[in-house]
């Protein structure tokens, strides 16, 4: 059973309680909501982050190399065709290996052939 305090009704009657409605308040002392103040605050725009400036650089000067030191780089299409024939031969002869090794071998063969023809 809940007991009610006798003090609460007396405070309300005297205007001392938590409810200010019992007090006699004039309209001039009532605070108005601050909705007008919210509109007067200026909203700051977020500034975009600064863009990084990328400056063009000059390409590095190429060193003159002799033709014997430079290696021939065959086009991918030539390597692809040669690797295909290497893989066909490997499969027919039941040799171990995979397509990566076929590609490497095809490139090596084409570079060797280019060196022989250049000299």
C-alpha atoms as a PDB file:
ATOM      1  CA  UNK A   1       0.000   0.000   0.000  1.00  0.00           C
ATOM      2  CA  UNK A   2       1.362   3.391  -0.977  1.00  0.00           C
ATOM      3  CA  UNK A   3       1.107   6.279   1.417  1.00  0.00           C
ATOM      4  CA  UNK A   4       0.549   9.745   0.105  1.00  0.00           C
ATOM      5  CA  UNK A   5       2.336  12.605   1.701  1.00  0.00           C
ATOM      6  CA  UNK A   6       0.201  15.308   3.291  1.00  0.00           C
ATOM      7  CA  UNK A   7       2.871  17.874   2.534  1.00  0.00           C
ATOM      8  CA  UNK A   8       2.503  17.655  -1.280  1.00  0.00           C
ATOM      9  CA  UNK A   9      -1.098  18.955  -1.456  1.00  0.00           C
ATOM     10  CA  UNK A  10      -0.244  21.749   0.965  1.00  0.00           C
ATOM     11  CA  UNK A  11       2.742  22.902  -1.116  1.00  0.00           C
ATOM     12  CA  UNK A  12       0.630  22.955  -4.243  1.00  0.00           C
ATOM     13  CA  UNK A  13      -1.978  25.042  -2.561  1.00  0.00           C
ATOM     14  CA  UNK A  14       0.648  27.546  -1.367  1.00  0.00           C
ATOM     15  CA  UNK A  15       2.306  27.764  -4.776  1.00  0.00           C
ATOM     16  CA  UNK A  16       5.526  26.192  -3.580  1.00  0.00           C
ATOM     17  CA  UNK A  17       5.153  22.828  -5.269  1.00  0.00           C
ATOM     18  CA  UNK A  18       6.642  21.546  -8.496  1.00  0.00           C
ATOM     19  CA  UNK A  19       3.697  22.838 -10.515  1.00  0.00           C
ATOM     20  CA  UNK A  20       4.043  26.586 -11.148  1.00  0.00           C
ATOM     21  CA  UNK A  21       0.511  26.714 -12.608  1.00  0.00           C
ATOM     22  CA  UNK A  22      -0.912  27.265  -9.130  1.00  0.00           C
ATOM     23  CA  UNK A  23       1.043  30.519  -8.782  1.00  0.00           C
ATOM     24  CA  UNK A  24      -0.285  33.806 -10.026  1.00  0.00           C
ATOM     25  CA  UNK A  25       2.058  34.714 -12.866  1.00  0.00           C
ATOM     26  CA  UNK A  26       1.673  37.734 -15.115  1.00  0.00           C
ATOM     27  CA  UNK A  27       2.194  37.334 -18.904  1.00  0.00           C
ATOM     28  CA  UNK A  28       5.223  39.645 -18.879  1.00  0.00           C
ATOM     29  CA  UNK A  29       7.213  37.316 -16.635  1.00  0.00           C
ATOM     30  CA  UNK A  30       6.541  34.209 -18.693  1.00  0.00           C
ATOM     31  CA  UNK A  31       9.548  33.298 -20.800  1.00  0.00           C
ATOM     32  CA  UNK A  32       8.821  32.739 -24.450  1.00  0.00           C
ATOM     33  CA  UNK A  33      10.364  29.852 -26.301  1.00  0.00           C
ATOM     34  CA  UNK A  34      13.661  30.609 -27.977  1.00  0.00           C
ATOM     35  CA  UNK A  35      12.659  29.627 -31.484  1.00  0.00           C
ATOM     36  CA  UNK A  36      13.436  33.132 -32.747  1.00  0.00           C
ATOM     37  CA  UNK A  37      17.000  32.865 -31.439  1.00  0.00           C
ATOM     38  CA  UNK A  38      17.609  29.652 -33.340  1.00  0.00           C
ATOM     39  CA  UNK A  39      16.795  31.305 -36.653  1.00  0.00           C
ATOM     40  CA  UNK A  40      19.069  34.244 -35.971  1.00  0.00           C
ATOM     41  CA  UNK A  41      22.161  32.085 -35.565  1.00  0.00           C
ATOM     42  CA  UNK A  42      24.134  32.082 -38.742  1.00  0.00           C
ATOM     43  CA  UNK A  43      24.799  28.679 -40.139  1.00  0.00           C
ATOM     44  CA  UNK A  44      28.385  28.163 -41.106  1.00  0.00           C
ATOM     45  CA  UNK A  45      29.014  26.481 -44.367  1.00  0.00           C
ATOM     46  CA  UNK A  46      31.443  23.642 -44.312  1.00  0.00           C
ATOM     47  CA  UNK A  47      34.422  24.459 -46.405  1.00  0.00           C
ATOM     48  CA  UNK A  48      35.651  21.878 -48.848  1.00  0.00           C
ATOM     49  CA  UNK A  49      39.023  20.365 -48.095  1.00  0.00           C
ATOM     50  CA  UNK A  50      41.869  21.960 -49.958  1.00  0.00           C
ATOM     51  CA  UNK A  51      42.835  20.210 -53.134  1.00  0.00           C
ATOM     52  CA  UNK A  52      46.356  18.995 -53.444  1.00  0.00           C
ATOM     53  CA  UNK A  53      48.285  20.602 -56.218  1.00  0.00           C
ATOM     54  CA  UNK A  54      50.017  18.101 -58.433  1.00  0.00           C
ATOM     55  CA  UNK A  55      52.791  19.571 -60.428  1.00  0.00           C
ATOM     56  CA  UNK A  56      54.020  18.043 -63.612  1.00  0.00           C
ATOM     57  CA  UNK A  57      57.499  16.688 -63.453  1.00  0.00           C
ATOM     58  CA  UNK A  58      59.938  16.271 -66.241  1.00  0.00           C
ATOM     59  CA  UNK A  59      60.546  12.692 -67.255  1.00  0.00           C
ATOM     60  CA  UNK A  60      63.872  11.318 -66.163  1.00  0.00           C
ATOM     61  CA  UNK A  61      66.547  11.515 -68.806  1.00  0.00           C
ATOM     62  CA  UNK A  62      67.198   8.169 -70.394  1.00  0.00           C
ATOM     63  CA  UNK A  63      70.708   6.922 -70.383  1.00  0.00           C
ATOM     64  CA  UNK A  64      72.215   5.927 -73.666  1.00  0.00           C
ATOM     65  CA  UNK A  65      72.637   2.185 -73.638  1.00  0.00           C
ATOM     66  CA  UNK A  66      74.377   0.120 -76.169  1.00  0.00           C
ATOM     67  CA  UNK A  67      72.279  -2.180 -78.339  1.00  0.00           C
ATOM     68  CA  UNK A  68      74.059  -5.247 -76.946  1.00  0.00           C
ATOM     69  CA  UNK A  69      73.058  -4.372 -73.371  1.00  0.00           C
ATOM     70  CA  UNK A  70      69.376  -3.859 -74.176  1.00  0.00           C
ATOM     71  CA  UNK A  71      67.208  -6.943 -74.394  1.00  0.00           C
ATOM     72  CA  UNK A  72      64.480  -7.539 -76.891  1.00  0.00           C
ATOM     73  CA  UNK A  73      61.022  -7.690 -75.368  1.00  0.00           C
ATOM     74  CA  UNK A  74      58.698  -9.724 -77.599  1.00  0.00           C
ATOM     75  CA  UNK A  75      55.040  -8.645 -77.863  1.00  0.00           C
ATOM     76  CA  UNK A  76      52.499 -10.525 -75.776  1.00  0.00           C
ATOM     77  CA  UNK A  77      50.810 -11.945 -78.852  1.00  0.00           C
ATOM     78  CA  UNK A  78      54.025 -13.668 -79.978  1.00  0.00           C
ATOM     79  CA  UNK A  79      54.606 -15.038 -76.484  1.00  0.00           C
ATOM     80  CA  UNK A  80      51.002 -16.251 -76.321  1.00  0.00           C
ATOM     81  CA  UNK A  81      51.268 -18.189 -79.592  1.00  0.00           C
ATOM     82  CA  UNK A  82      54.611 -19.738 -78.641  1.00  0.00           C
ATOM     83  CA  UNK A  83      53.309 -20.681 -75.169  1.00  0.00           C
ATOM     84  CA  UNK A  84      50.312 -22.377 -76.777  1.00  0.00           C
ATOM     85  CA  UNK A  85      52.538 -24.645 -78.884  1.00  0.00           C
ATOM     86  CA  UNK A  86      54.776 -25.389 -75.894  1.00  0.00           C
ATOM     87  CA  UNK A  87      51.740 -26.407 -73.825  1.00  0.00           C
ATOM     88  CA  UNK A  88      50.395 -28.616 -76.637  1.00  0.00           C
ATOM     89  CA  UNK A  89      53.749 -30.396 -76.870  1.00  0.00           C
ATOM     90  CA  UNK A  90      53.912 -30.738 -73.068  1.00  0.00           C
ATOM     91  CA  UNK A  91      50.435 -32.296 -72.945  1.00  0.00           C
ATOM     92  CA  UNK A  92      51.157 -34.737 -75.804  1.00  0.00           C
ATOM     93  CA  UNK A  93      54.348 -35.902 -74.135  1.00  0.00           C
ATOM     94  CA  UNK A  94      52.752 -35.975 -70.655  1.00  0.00           C
ATOM     95  CA  UNK A  95      55.415 -33.700 -69.223  1.00  0.00           C
ATOM     96  CA  UNK A  96      55.050 -31.839 -65.951  1.00  0.00           C
ATOM     97  CA  UNK A  97      54.453 -28.097 -65.947  1.00  0.00           C
ATOM     98  CA  UNK A  98      51.759 -25.473 -66.176  1.00  0.00           C
ATOM     99  CA  UNK A  99      50.751 -22.478 -68.272  1.00  0.00           C
ATOM    100  CA  UNK A 100      52.916 -20.050 -66.259  1.00  0.00           C
ATOM    101  CA  UNK A 101      56.034 -22.057 -67.024  1.00  0.00           C
ATOM    102  CA  UNK A 102      54.982 -22.305 -70.669  1.00  0.00           C
ATOM    103  CA  UNK A 103      54.735 -18.496 -70.837  1.00  0.00           C
ATOM    104  CA  UNK A 104      58.161 -18.026 -69.264  1.00  0.00           C
ATOM    105  CA  UNK A 105      59.730 -20.591 -71.591  1.00  0.00           C
ATOM    106  CA  UNK A 106      58.099 -19.008 -74.659  1.00  0.00           C
ATOM    107  CA  UNK A 107      59.430 -15.563 -73.712  1.00  0.00           C
ATOM    108  CA  UNK A 108      62.912 -16.969 -73.071  1.00  0.00           C
ATOM    109  CA  UNK A 109      62.938 -18.714 -76.457  1.00  0.00           C
ATOM    110  CA  UNK A 110      61.841 -15.562 -78.307  1.00  0.00           C
ATOM    111  CA  UNK A 111      64.494 -13.416 -76.578  1.00  0.00           C
ATOM    112  CA  UNK A 112      67.187 -15.995 -77.423  1.00  0.00           C
ATOM    113  CA  UNK A 113      66.087 -16.070 -81.059  1.00  0.00           C
ATOM    114  CA  UNK A 114      66.219 -12.266 -81.250  1.00  0.00           C
ATOM    115  CA  UNK A 115      69.766 -12.250 -79.827  1.00  0.00           C
ATOM    116  CA  UNK A 116      70.929 -14.817 -82.388  1.00  0.00           C
ATOM    117  CA  UNK A 117      69.498 -12.882 -85.311  1.00  0.00           C
ATOM    118  CA  UNK A 118      70.911  -9.555 -84.029  1.00  0.00           C
ATOM    119  CA  UNK A 119      74.496 -10.806 -83.863  1.00  0.00           C
END
